[in-house]
Amino acid sequence: MSGLPYPLTRADTIHIVTAFNPGGRNATARANLRAQQELLHSIGRRG
């Protein structure tokens, strides 16, 4: 498979963040999805 170029033309860094399995412990699918929604709302509030 061929590699892809970095997707941005500007010099910004892309940070990859999740809310799944906090504390390194397996959470339920429901808890993970709820936490991820909260993360996405937090990202959205910051614009």
All heavy atoms as atom14 arrays in JSON, in Angstrom:
{
  "sequence": "MSGLPYPLTRADTIHIVTAFNPGGRNATARANLRAQQELLHSIGRRG",
  "atom14_mask": [
    [1, 1, 1, 1, 1, 1, 1, 1, 0, 0, 0, 0, 0, 0],
    [1, 1, 1, 1, 1, 1, 0, 0, 0, 0, 0, 0, 0, 0],
    [1, 1, 1, 1, 0, 0, 0, 0, 0, 0, 0, 0, 0, 0],
    [1, 1, 1, 1, 1, 1, 1, 1, 0, 0, 0, 0, 0, 0],
    [1, 1, 1, 1, 1, 1, 1, 0, 0, 0, 0, 0, 0, 0],
    [1, 1, 1, 1, 1, 1, 1, 1, 1, 1, 1, 1, 0, 0],
    [1, 1, 1, 1, 1, 1, 1, 0, 0, 0, 0, 0, 0, 0],
    [1, 1, 1, 1, 1, 1, 1, 1, 0, 0, 0, 0, 0, 0],
    [1, 1, 1, 1, 1, 1, 1, 0, 0, 0, 0, 0, 0, 0],
    [1, 1, 1, 1, 1, 1, 1, 1, 1, 1, 1, 0, 0, 0],
    [1, 1, 1, 1, 1, 0, 0, 0, 0, 0, 0, 0, 0, 0],
    [1, 1, 1, 1, 1, 1, 1, 1, 0, 0, 0, 0, 0, 0],
    [1, 1, 1, 1, 1, 1, 1, 0, 0, 0, 0, 0, 0, 0],
    [1, 1, 1, 1, 1, 1, 1, 1, 0, 0, 0, 0, 0, 0],
    [1, 1, 1, 1, 1, 1, 1, 1, 1, 1, 0, 0, 0, 0],
    [1, 1, 1, 1, 1, 1, 1, 1, 0, 0, 0, 0, 0, 0],
    [1, 1, 1, 1, 1, 1, 1, 0, 0, 0, 0, 0, 0, 0],
    [1, 1, 1, 1, 1, 1, 1, 0, 0, 0, 0, 0, 0, 0],
    [1, 1, 1, 1, 1, 0, 0, 0, 0, 0, 0, 0, 0, 0],
    [1, 1, 1, 1, 1, 1, 1, 1, 1, 1, 1, 0, 0, 0],
    [1, 1, 1, 1, 1, 1, 1, 1, 0, 0, 0, 0, 0, 0],
    [1, 1, 1, 1, 1, 1, 1, 0, 0, 0, 0, 0, 0, 0],
    [1, 1, 1, 1, 0, 0, 0, 0, 0, 0, 0, 0, 0, 0],
    [1, 1, 1, 1, 0, 0, 0, 0, 0, 0, 0, 0, 0, 0],
    [1, 1, 1, 1, 1, 1, 1, 1, 1, 1, 1, 0, 0, 0],
    [1, 1, 1, 1, 1, 1, 1, 1, 0, 0, 0, 0, 0, 0],
    [1, 1, 1, 1, 1, 0, 0, 0, 0, 0, 0, 0, 0, 0],
    [1, 1, 1, 1, 1, 1, 1, 0, 0, 0, 0, 0, 0, 0],
    [1, 1, 1, 1, 1, 0, 0, 0, 0, 0, 0, 0, 0, 0],
    [1, 1, 1, 1, 1, 1, 1, 1, 1, 1, 1, 0, 0, 0],
    [1, 1, 1, 1, 1, 0, 0, 0, 0, 0, 0, 0, 0, 0],
    [1, 1, 1, 1, 1, 1, 1, 1, 0, 0, 0, 0, 0, 0],
    [1, 1, 1, 1, 1, 1, 1, 1, 0, 0, 0, 0, 0, 0],
    [1, 1, 1, 1, 1, 1, 1, 1, 1, 1, 1, 0, 0, 0],
    [1, 1, 1, 1, 1, 0, 0, 0, 0, 0, 0, 0, 0, 0],
    [1, 1, 1, 1, 1, 1, 1, 1, 1, 0, 0, 0, 0, 0],
    [1, 1, 1, 1, 1, 1, 1, 1, 1, 0, 0, 0, 0, 0],
    [1, 1, 1, 1, 1, 1, 1, 1, 1, 0, 0, 0, 0, 0],
    [1, 1, 1, 1, 1, 1, 1, 1, 0, 0, 0, 0, 0, 0],
    [1, 1, 1, 1, 1, 1, 1, 1, 0, 0, 0, 0, 0, 0],
    [1, 1, 1, 1, 1, 1, 1, 1, 1, 1, 0, 0, 0, 0],
    [1, 1, 1, 1, 1, 1, 0, 0, 0, 0, 0, 0, 0, 0],
    [1, 1, 1, 1, 1, 1, 1, 1, 0, 0, 0, 0, 0, 0],
    [1, 1, 1, 1, 0, 0, 0, 0, 0, 0, 0, 0, 0, 0],
    [1, 1, 1, 1, 1, 1, 1, 1, 1, 1, 1, 0, 0, 0],
    [1, 1, 1, 1, 1, 1, 1, 1, 1, 1, 1, 0, 0, 0],
    [1, 1, 1, 1, 0, 0, 0, 0, 0, 0, 0, 0, 0, 0]
  ],
  "atom14_positions": [
    [[0.84, -1.17, 0.0], [0.0, 0.0, 0.0], [0.89, 1.24, 0.0], [1.84, 1.33, 0.74], [-0.86, -0.02, 1.26], [-2.24, 0.41, 1.03], [-3.26, 0.16, 2.5], [-3.99, -1.38, 1.99], [0.0, 0.0, 0.0], [0.0, 0.0, 0.0], [0.0, 0.0, 0.0], [0.0, 0.0, 0.0], [0.0, 0.0, 0.0], [0.0, 0.0, 0.0]],
    [[0.54, 2.19, -0.81], [1.36, 3.39, -0.87], [1.04, 4.32, 0.28], [-0.07, 4.32, 0.8], [1.13, 4.11, -2.2], [-0.21, 4.53, -2.28], [0.0, 0.0, 0.0], [0.0, 0.0, 0.0], [0.0, 0.0, 0.0], [0.0, 0.0, 0.0], [0.0, 0.0, 0.0], [0.0, 0.0, 0.0], [0.0, 0.0, 0.0], [0.0, 0.0, 0.0]],
    [[2.03, 5.12, 0.67], [1.84, 6.06, 1.76], [1.06, 7.28, 1.31], [0.99, 7.59, 0.13], [0.0, 0.0, 0.0], [0.0, 0.0, 0.0], [0.0, 0.0, 0.0], [0.0, 0.0, 0.0], [0.0, 0.0, 0.0], [0.0, 0.0, 0.0], [0.0, 0.0, 0.0], [0.0, 0.0, 0.0], [0.0, 0.0, 0.0], [0.0, 0.0, 0.0]],
    [[0.46, 7.95, 2.25], [-0.27, 9.18, 1.97], [0.53, 10.36, 2.47], [1.21, 10.26, 3.48], [-1.62, 9.15, 2.7], [-2.6, 8.08, 2.29], [-3.81, 8.1, 3.21], [-3.03, 8.27, 0.85], [0.0, 0.0, 0.0], [0.0, 0.0, 0.0], [0.0, 0.0, 0.0], [0.0, 0.0, 0.0], [0.0, 0.0, 0.0], [0.0, 0.0, 0.0]],
    [[0.42, 11.51, 1.8], [1.09, 12.7, 2.3], [0.36, 13.23, 3.53], [-0.8, 12.92, 3.76], [0.98, 13.68, 1.13], [-0.24, 13.25, 0.4], [-0.31, 11.74, 0.56], [0.0, 0.0, 0.0], [0.0, 0.0, 0.0], [0.0, 0.0, 0.0], [0.0, 0.0, 0.0], [0.0, 0.0, 0.0], [0.0, 0.0, 0.0], [0.0, 0.0, 0.0]],
    [[1.06, 14.05, 4.29], [0.43, 14.72, 5.43], [-0.77, 15.5, 4.9], [-0.67, 16.2, 3.9], [1.45, 15.63, 6.11], [0.95, 16.31, 7.36], [0.65, 15.57, 8.48], [0.77, 17.68, 7.4], [0.18, 16.18, 9.63], [0.31, 18.3, 8.55], [0.01, 17.53, 9.66], [-0.45, 18.14, 10.8], [0.0, 0.0, 0.0], [0.0, 0.0, 0.0]],
    [[-1.94, 15.39, 5.53], [-3.17, 15.93, 4.92], [-3.35, 17.44, 4.97], [-4.28, 17.94, 4.35], [-4.27, 15.24, 5.73], [-3.65, 14.92, 7.03], [-2.2, 14.63, 6.74], [0.0, 0.0, 0.0], [0.0, 0.0, 0.0], [0.0, 0.0, 0.0], [0.0, 0.0, 0.0], [0.0, 0.0, 0.0], [0.0, 0.0, 0.0], [0.0, 0.0, 0.0]],
    [[-2.53, 18.16, 5.7], [-2.71, 19.61, 5.79], [-1.64, 20.33, 5.0], [-0.48, 19.92, 4.97], [-2.64, 20.07, 7.25], [-3.71, 19.5, 8.18], [-3.49, 20.02, 9.6], [-5.1, 19.85, 7.71], [0.0, 0.0, 0.0], [0.0, 0.0, 0.0], [0.0, 0.0, 0.0], [0.0, 0.0, 0.0], [0.0, 0.0, 0.0], [0.0, 0.0, 0.0]],
    [[-2.01, 21.45, 4.4], [-1.02, 22.24, 3.68], [-0.34, 23.24, 4.6], [0.73, 23.72, 4.31], [-1.67, 22.99, 2.51], [-2.75, 23.77, 3.0], [-2.19, 22.0, 1.46], [0.0, 0.0, 0.0], [0.0, 0.0, 0.0], [0.0, 0.0, 0.0], [0.0, 0.0, 0.0], [0.0, 0.0, 0.0], [0.0, 0.0, 0.0], [0.0, 0.0, 0.0]],
    [[-0.97, 23.54, 5.73], [-0.35, 24.46, 6.68], [0.46, 23.66, 7.7], [0.38, 22.44, 7.75], [-1.42, 25.33, 7.34], [-2.55, 24.57, 7.98], [-3.69, 25.55, 8.32], [-4.7, 24.93, 9.13], [-5.76, 24.29, 8.67], [-5.94, 24.17, 7.37], [-6.65, 23.77, 9.49], [0.0, 0.0, 0.0], [0.0, 0.0, 0.0], [0.0, 0.0, 0.0]],
    [[1.18, 24.35, 8.53], [2.12, 23.71, 9.46], [1.48, 23.23, 10.76], [2.18, 22.88, 11.69], [3.27, 24.67, 9.76], [0.0, 0.0, 0.0], [0.0, 0.0, 0.0], [0.0, 0.0, 0.0], [0.0, 0.0, 0.0], [0.0, 0.0, 0.0], [0.0, 0.0, 0.0], [0.0, 0.0, 0.0], [0.0, 0.0, 0.0], [0.0, 0.0, 0.0]],
    [[0.16, 23.19, 10.84], [-0.51, 22.78, 12.06], [-0.22, 21.32, 12.41], [0.06, 20.5, 11.55], [-2.02, 22.93, 11.92], [-2.47, 24.37, 11.82], [-1.83, 25.23, 12.44], [-3.45, 24.63, 11.12], [0.0, 0.0, 0.0], [0.0, 0.0, 0.0], [0.0, 0.0, 0.0], [0.0, 0.0, 0.0], [0.0, 0.0, 0.0], [0.0, 0.0, 0.0]],
    [[-0.32, 21.02, 13.69], [-0.24, 19.65, 14.17], [-1.65, 19.12, 14.34], [-2.55, 19.83, 14.77], [0.49, 19.61, 15.53], [1.84, 20.06, 15.33], [0.51, 18.22, 16.11], [0.0, 0.0, 0.0], [0.0, 0.0, 0.0], [0.0, 0.0, 0.0], [0.0, 0.0, 0.0], [0.0, 0.0, 0.0], [0.0, 0.0, 0.0], [0.0, 0.0, 0.0]],
    [[-1.85, 17.87, 14.0], [-3.12, 17.19, 14.24], [-2.94, 16.36, 15.5], [-2.04, 15.53, 15.58], [-3.5, 16.28, 13.06], [-3.64, 17.09, 11.77], [-4.78, 15.5, 13.37], [-3.8, 16.25, 10.52], [0.0, 0.0, 0.0], [0.0, 0.0, 0.0], [0.0, 0.0, 0.0], [0.0, 0.0, 0.0], [0.0, 0.0, 0.0], [0.0, 0.0, 0.0]],
    [[-3.78, 16.6, 16.49], [-3.73, 15.81, 17.73], [-4.85, 14.78, 17.7], [-5.99, 15.12, 17.38], [-3.86, 16.72, 18.96], [-2.67, 17.59, 19.16], [-2.58, 18.85, 18.62], [-1.51, 17.35, 19.81], [-1.4, 19.38, 18.95], [-0.74, 18.48, 19.66], [0.0, 0.0, 0.0], [0.0, 0.0, 0.0], [0.0, 0.0, 0.0], [0.0, 0.0, 0.0]],
    [[-4.51, 13.55, 18.0], [-5.47, 12.45, 18.02], [-5.83, 12.18, 19.47], [-4.97, 11.83, 20.28], [-4.9, 11.18, 17.37], [-4.2, 11.48, 16.05], [-6.0, 10.12, 17.24], [-5.06, 12.06, 14.97], [0.0, 0.0, 0.0], [0.0, 0.0, 0.0], [0.0, 0.0, 0.0], [0.0, 0.0, 0.0], [0.0, 0.0, 0.0], [0.0, 0.0, 0.0]],
    [[-7.12, 12.36, 19.8], [-7.59, 12.25, 21.18], [-8.81, 11.34, 21.21], [-9.64, 11.37, 20.31], [-7.98, 13.64, 21.74], [-8.39, 13.56, 23.19], [-6.86, 14.65, 21.54], [0.0, 0.0, 0.0], [0.0, 0.0, 0.0], [0.0, 0.0, 0.0], [0.0, 0.0, 0.0], [0.0, 0.0, 0.0], [0.0, 0.0, 0.0], [0.0, 0.0, 0.0]],
    [[-8.92, 10.54, 22.26], [-10.09, 9.7, 22.48], [-10.55, 9.85, 23.92], [-9.8, 10.32, 24.76], [-9.8, 8.22, 22.16], [-11.03, 7.48, 22.23], [-8.8, 7.61, 23.14], [0.0, 0.0, 0.0], [0.0, 0.0, 0.0], [0.0, 0.0, 0.0], [0.0, 0.0, 0.0], [0.0, 0.0, 0.0], [0.0, 0.0, 0.0], [0.0, 0.0, 0.0]],
    [[-11.77, 9.43, 24.15], [-12.29, 9.37, 25.53], [-12.57, 7.92, 25.92], [-13.06, 7.66, 27.0], [-13.56, 10.21, 25.65], [0.0, 0.0, 0.0], [0.0, 0.0, 0.0], [0.0, 0.0, 0.0], [0.0, 0.0, 0.0], [0.0, 0.0, 0.0], [0.0, 0.0, 0.0], [0.0, 0.0, 0.0], [0.0, 0.0, 0.0], [0.0, 0.0, 0.0]],
    [[-12.22, 6.98, 25.04], [-12.48, 5.57, 25.3], [-11.59, 5.03, 26.41], [-10.43, 5.41, 26.54], [-12.22, 4.75, 24.03], [-13.42, 4.57, 23.14], [-14.22, 5.65, 22.78], [-13.76, 3.32, 22.66], [-15.31, 5.48, 21.96], [-14.86, 3.14, 21.84], [-15.64, 4.22, 21.49], [0.0, 0.0, 0.0], [0.0, 0.0, 0.0], [0.0, 0.0, 0.0]],
    [[-12.13, 4.12, 27.18], [-11.4, 3.36, 28.2], [-10.51, 4.22, 29.1], [-9.3, 4.02, 29.17], [-10.59, 2.24, 27.54], [-11.49, 1.29, 26.78], [-12.56, 0.95, 27.25], [-11.07, 0.89, 25.6], [0.0, 0.0, 0.0], [0.0, 0.0, 0.0], [0.0, 0.0, 0.0], [0.0, 0.0, 0.0], [0.0, 0.0, 0.0], [0.0, 0.0, 0.0]],
    [[-11.1, 5.19, 29.79], [-10.3, 6.06, 30.67], [-9.56, 5.27, 31.73], [-10.03, 4.24, 32.21], [-11.33, 7.0, 31.28], [-12.64, 6.32, 31.11], [-12.52, 5.45, 29.9], [0.0, 0.0, 0.0], [0.0, 0.0, 0.0], [0.0, 0.0, 0.0], [0.0, 0.0, 0.0], [0.0, 0.0, 0.0], [0.0, 0.0, 0.0], [0.0, 0.0, 0.0]],
    [[-8.38, 5.75, 32.05], [-7.56, 5.1, 33.07], [-7.01, 3.76, 32.64], [-6.54, 2.98, 33.46], [0.0, 0.0, 0.0], [0.0, 0.0, 0.0], [0.0, 0.0, 0.0], [0.0, 0.0, 0.0], [0.0, 0.0, 0.0], [0.0, 0.0, 0.0], [0.0, 0.0, 0.0], [0.0, 0.0, 0.0], [0.0, 0.0, 0.0], [0.0, 0.0, 0.0]],
    [[-7.07, 3.46, 31.33], [-6.56, 2.19, 30.84], [-7.44, 1.01, 31.2], [-7.02, -0.14, 31.07], [0.0, 0.0, 0.0], [0.0, 0.0, 0.0], [0.0, 0.0, 0.0], [0.0, 0.0, 0.0], [0.0, 0.0, 0.0], [0.0, 0.0, 0.0], [0.0, 0.0, 0.0], [0.0, 0.0, 0.0], [0.0, 0.0, 0.0], [0.0, 0.0, 0.0]],
    [[-8.65, 1.27, 31.66], [-9.58, 0.19, 32.03], [-10.66, 0.08, 30.98], [-11.19, 1.09, 30.51], [-10.22, 0.49, 33.39], [-9.22, 0.48, 34.52], [-9.93, 0.75, 35.86], [-8.95, 1.04, 36.89], [-8.51, 2.25, 37.2], [-8.97, 3.3, 36.56], [-7.62, 2.42, 38.16], [0.0, 0.0, 0.0], [0.0, 0.0, 0.0], [0.0, 0.0, 0.0]],
    [[-11.03, -1.14, 30.63], [-12.08, -1.35, 29.65], [-13.42, -0.88, 30.21], [-13.87, -1.35, 31.24], [-12.18, -2.82, 29.26], [-11.01, -3.27, 28.42], [-10.42, -2.48, 27.7], [-10.68, -4.54, 28.51], [0.0, 0.0, 0.0], [0.0, 0.0, 0.0], [0.0, 0.0, 0.0], [0.0, 0.0, 0.0], [0.0, 0.0, 0.0], [0.0, 0.0, 0.0]],
    [[-14.01, 0.06, 29.5], [-15.33, 0.57, 29.87], [-16.36, -0.1, 28.96], [-16.02, -0.67, 27.93], [-15.37, 2.09, 29.7], [0.0, 0.0, 0.0], [0.0, 0.0, 0.0], [0.0, 0.0, 0.0], [0.0, 0.0, 0.0], [0.0, 0.0, 0.0], [0.0, 0.0, 0.0], [0.0, 0.0, 0.0], [0.0, 0.0, 0.0], [0.0, 0.0, 0.0]],
    [[-17.61, -0.01, 29.34], [-18.66, -0.55, 28.49], [-18.76, 0.27, 27.21], [-18.35, 1.44, 27.17], [-20.02, -0.53, 29.21], [-20.4, 0.84, 29.41], [-19.98, -1.29, 30.53], [0.0, 0.0, 0.0], [0.0, 0.0, 0.0], [0.0, 0.0, 0.0], [0.0, 0.0, 0.0], [0.0, 0.0, 0.0], [0.0, 0.0, 0.0], [0.0, 0.0, 0.0]],
    [[-19.33, -0.33, 26.19], [-19.52, 0.39, 24.92], [-20.35, 1.64, 25.15], [-20.03, 2.71, 24.62], [-20.19, -0.52, 23.9], [0.0, 0.0, 0.0], [0.0, 0.0, 0.0], [0.0, 0.0, 0.0], [0.0, 0.0, 0.0], [0.0, 0.0, 0.0], [0.0, 0.0, 0.0], [0.0, 0.0, 0.0], [0.0, 0.0, 0.0], [0.0, 0.0, 0.0]],
    [[-21.38, 1.54, 25.97], [-22.24, 2.69, 26.25], [-21.46, 3.81, 26.95], [-21.57, 4.99, 26.59], [-23.41, 2.24, 27.11], [-24.41, 3.32, 27.37], [-25.58, 2.79, 28.15], [-26.55, 3.85, 28.33], [-27.74, 3.68, 28.82], [-28.15, 2.48, 29.17], [-28.55, 4.7, 28.98], [0.0, 0.0, 0.0], [0.0, 0.0, 0.0], [0.0, 0.0, 0.0]],
    [[-20.67, 3.46, 27.96], [-19.87, 4.47, 28.67], [-18.84, 5.11, 27.74], [-18.63, 6.32, 27.78], [-19.18, 3.85, 29.87], [0.0, 0.0, 0.0], [0.0, 0.0, 0.0], [0.0, 0.0, 0.0], [0.0, 0.0, 0.0], [0.0, 0.0, 0.0], [0.0, 0.0, 0.0], [0.0, 0.0, 0.0], [0.0, 0.0, 0.0], [0.0, 0.0, 0.0]],
    [[-18.21, 4.3, 26.9], [-17.23, 4.84, 25.96], [-17.87, 5.81, 24.97], [-17.34, 6.9, 24.73], [-16.53, 3.72, 25.19], [-15.4, 3.08, 25.97], [-14.78, 3.72, 26.81], [-15.14, 1.82, 25.7], [0.0, 0.0, 0.0], [0.0, 0.0, 0.0], [0.0, 0.0, 0.0], [0.0, 0.0, 0.0], [0.0, 0.0, 0.0], [0.0, 0.0, 0.0]],
    [[-19.01, 5.44, 24.41], [-19.68, 6.32, 23.45], [-20.18, 7.6, 24.11], [-20.1, 8.68, 23.52], [-20.81, 5.57, 22.76], [-20.34, 4.46, 21.8], [-21.54, 3.67, 21.29], [-19.51, 5.02, 20.66], [0.0, 0.0, 0.0], [0.0, 0.0, 0.0], [0.0, 0.0, 0.0], [0.0, 0.0, 0.0], [0.0, 0.0, 0.0], [0.0, 0.0, 0.0]],
    [[-20.66, 7.5, 25.34], [-21.1, 8.69, 26.08], [-19.91, 9.63, 26.32], [-20.01, 10.85, 26.11], [-21.75, 8.3, 27.4], [-22.42, 9.44, 28.11], [-23.16, 9.06, 29.39], [-23.6, 7.68, 29.49], [-23.08, 6.78, 30.33], [-22.11, 7.1, 31.16], [-23.54, 5.55, 30.37], [0.0, 0.0, 0.0], [0.0, 0.0, 0.0], [0.0, 0.0, 0.0]],
    [[-18.8, 9.08, 26.76], [-17.6, 9.89, 27.01], [-17.09, 10.51, 25.71], [-16.67, 11.68, 25.69], [-16.52, 9.04, 27.66], [0.0, 0.0, 0.0], [0.0, 0.0, 0.0], [0.0, 0.0, 0.0], [0.0, 0.0, 0.0], [0.0, 0.0, 0.0], [0.0, 0.0, 0.0], [0.0, 0.0, 0.0], [0.0, 0.0, 0.0], [0.0, 0.0, 0.0]],
    [[-17.13, 9.75, 24.62], [-16.67, 10.28, 23.33], [-17.55, 11.43, 22.87], [-17.05, 12.43, 22.35], [-16.62, 9.16, 22.28], [-15.92, 9.56, 21.0], [-14.43, 9.79, 21.16], [-13.82, 9.4, 22.15], [-13.83, 10.44, 20.18], [0.0, 0.0, 0.0], [0.0, 0.0, 0.0], [0.0, 0.0, 0.0], [0.0, 0.0, 0.0], [0.0, 0.0, 0.0]],
    [[-18.87, 11.31, 23.06], [-19.78, 12.43, 22.73], [-19.42, 13.67, 23.54], [-19.42, 14.78, 23.02], [-21.23, 12.03, 22.98], [-21.89, 11.3, 21.85], [-21.85, 12.06, 20.54], [-21.16, 11.64, 19.63], [-22.55, 13.16, 20.43], [0.0, 0.0, 0.0], [0.0, 0.0, 0.0], [0.0, 0.0, 0.0], [0.0, 0.0, 0.0], [0.0, 0.0, 0.0]],
    [[-19.12, 13.48, 24.82], [-18.73, 14.62, 25.66], [-17.43, 15.24, 25.15], [-17.29, 16.47, 25.1], [-18.56, 14.17, 27.11], [-18.33, 15.31, 28.06], [-18.2, 14.86, 29.51], [-18.77, 13.82, 29.88], [-17.51, 15.58, 30.26], [0.0, 0.0, 0.0], [0.0, 0.0, 0.0], [0.0, 0.0, 0.0], [0.0, 0.0, 0.0], [0.0, 0.0, 0.0]],
    [[-16.48, 14.41, 24.74], [-15.22, 14.91, 24.16], [-15.52, 15.73, 22.91], [-15.0, 16.84, 22.75], [-14.28, 13.74, 23.82], [-13.05, 14.1, 22.99], [-12.08, 14.95, 23.79], [-12.37, 12.84, 22.48], [0.0, 0.0, 0.0], [0.0, 0.0, 0.0], [0.0, 0.0, 0.0], [0.0, 0.0, 0.0], [0.0, 0.0, 0.0], [0.0, 0.0, 0.0]],
    [[-16.36, 15.21, 22.02], [-16.67, 15.92, 20.79], [-17.39, 17.24, 21.06], [-17.14, 18.24, 20.39], [-17.5, 15.04, 19.86], [-16.8, 13.78, 19.36], [-17.73, 12.97, 18.46], [-15.49, 14.1, 18.66], [0.0, 0.0, 0.0], [0.0, 0.0, 0.0], [0.0, 0.0, 0.0], [0.0, 0.0, 0.0], [0.0, 0.0, 0.0], [0.0, 0.0, 0.0]],
    [[-18.26, 17.26, 22.05], [-18.91, 18.53, 22.43], [-17.88, 19.52, 22.97], [-17.96, 20.72, 22.68], [-20.02, 18.29, 23.45], [-21.23, 17.66, 22.85], [-22.04, 18.3, 21.94], [-21.78, 16.44, 23.03], [-23.03, 17.5, 21.57], [-22.89, 16.36, 22.22], [0.0, 0.0, 0.0], [0.0, 0.0, 0.0], [0.0, 0.0, 0.0], [0.0, 0.0, 0.0]],
    [[-16.91, 19.04, 23.73], [-15.86, 19.9, 24.26], [-15.03, 20.49, 23.12], [-14.7, 21.68, 23.12], [-14.97, 19.11, 25.22], [-13.93, 19.91, 25.71], [0.0, 0.0, 0.0], [0.0, 0.0, 0.0], [0.0, 0.0, 0.0], [0.0, 0.0, 0.0], [0.0, 0.0, 0.0], [0.0, 0.0, 0.0], [0.0, 0.0, 0.0], [0.0, 0.0, 0.0]],
    [[-14.71, 19.67, 22.14], [-13.97, 20.14, 20.97], [-14.79, 21.16, 20.21], [-14.29, 22.22, 19.81], [-13.59, 18.94, 20.07], [-12.55, 18.05, 20.77], [-13.07, 19.41, 18.71], [-12.35, 16.7, 20.11], [0.0, 0.0, 0.0], [0.0, 0.0, 0.0], [0.0, 0.0, 0.0], [0.0, 0.0, 0.0], [0.0, 0.0, 0.0], [0.0, 0.0, 0.0]],
    [[-16.08, 20.88, 20.03], [-16.96, 21.8, 19.31], [-17.11, 23.14, 20.01], [-17.13, 24.19, 19.36], [0.0, 0.0, 0.0], [0.0, 0.0, 0.0], [0.0, 0.0, 0.0], [0.0, 0.0, 0.0], [0.0, 0.0, 0.0], [0.0, 0.0, 0.0], [0.0, 0.0, 0.0], [0.0, 0.0, 0.0], [0.0, 0.0, 0.0], [0.0, 0.0, 0.0]],
    [[-17.23, 23.12, 21.34], [-17.35, 24.37, 22.1], [-16.11, 25.25, 21.93], [-16.21, 26.47, 22.02], [-17.56, 24.09, 23.58], [-18.98, 23.68, 23.94], [-19.22, 23.67, 25.44], [-18.3, 22.82, 26.17], [-18.48, 21.51, 26.42], [-19.56, 20.9, 25.98], [-17.6, 20.83, 27.12], [0.0, 0.0, 0.0], [0.0, 0.0, 0.0], [0.0, 0.0, 0.0]],
    [[-14.98, 24.63, 21.69], [-13.75, 25.39, 21.49], [-13.61, 25.89, 20.05], [-12.65, 26.6, 19.74], [-12.54, 24.52, 21.83], [-12.49, 24.1, 23.27], [-11.38, 23.11, 23.51], [-11.48, 22.55, 24.86], [-10.45, 22.12, 25.54], [-9.24, 22.17, 25.01], [-10.62, 21.63, 26.74], [0.0, 0.0, 0.0], [0.0, 0.0, 0.0], [0.0, 0.0, 0.0]],
    [[-14.51, 25.48, 19.18], [-14.47, 25.91, 17.78], [-13.33, 25.3, 16.99], [-12.88, 25.89, 16.0], [0.0, 0.0, 0.0], [0.0, 0.0, 0.0], [0.0, 0.0, 0.0], [0.0, 0.0, 0.0], [0.0, 0.0, 0.0], [0.0, 0.0, 0.0], [0.0, 0.0, 0.0], [0.0, 0.0, 0.0], [0.0, 0.0, 0.0], [0.0, 0.0, 0.0]]
  ]
}
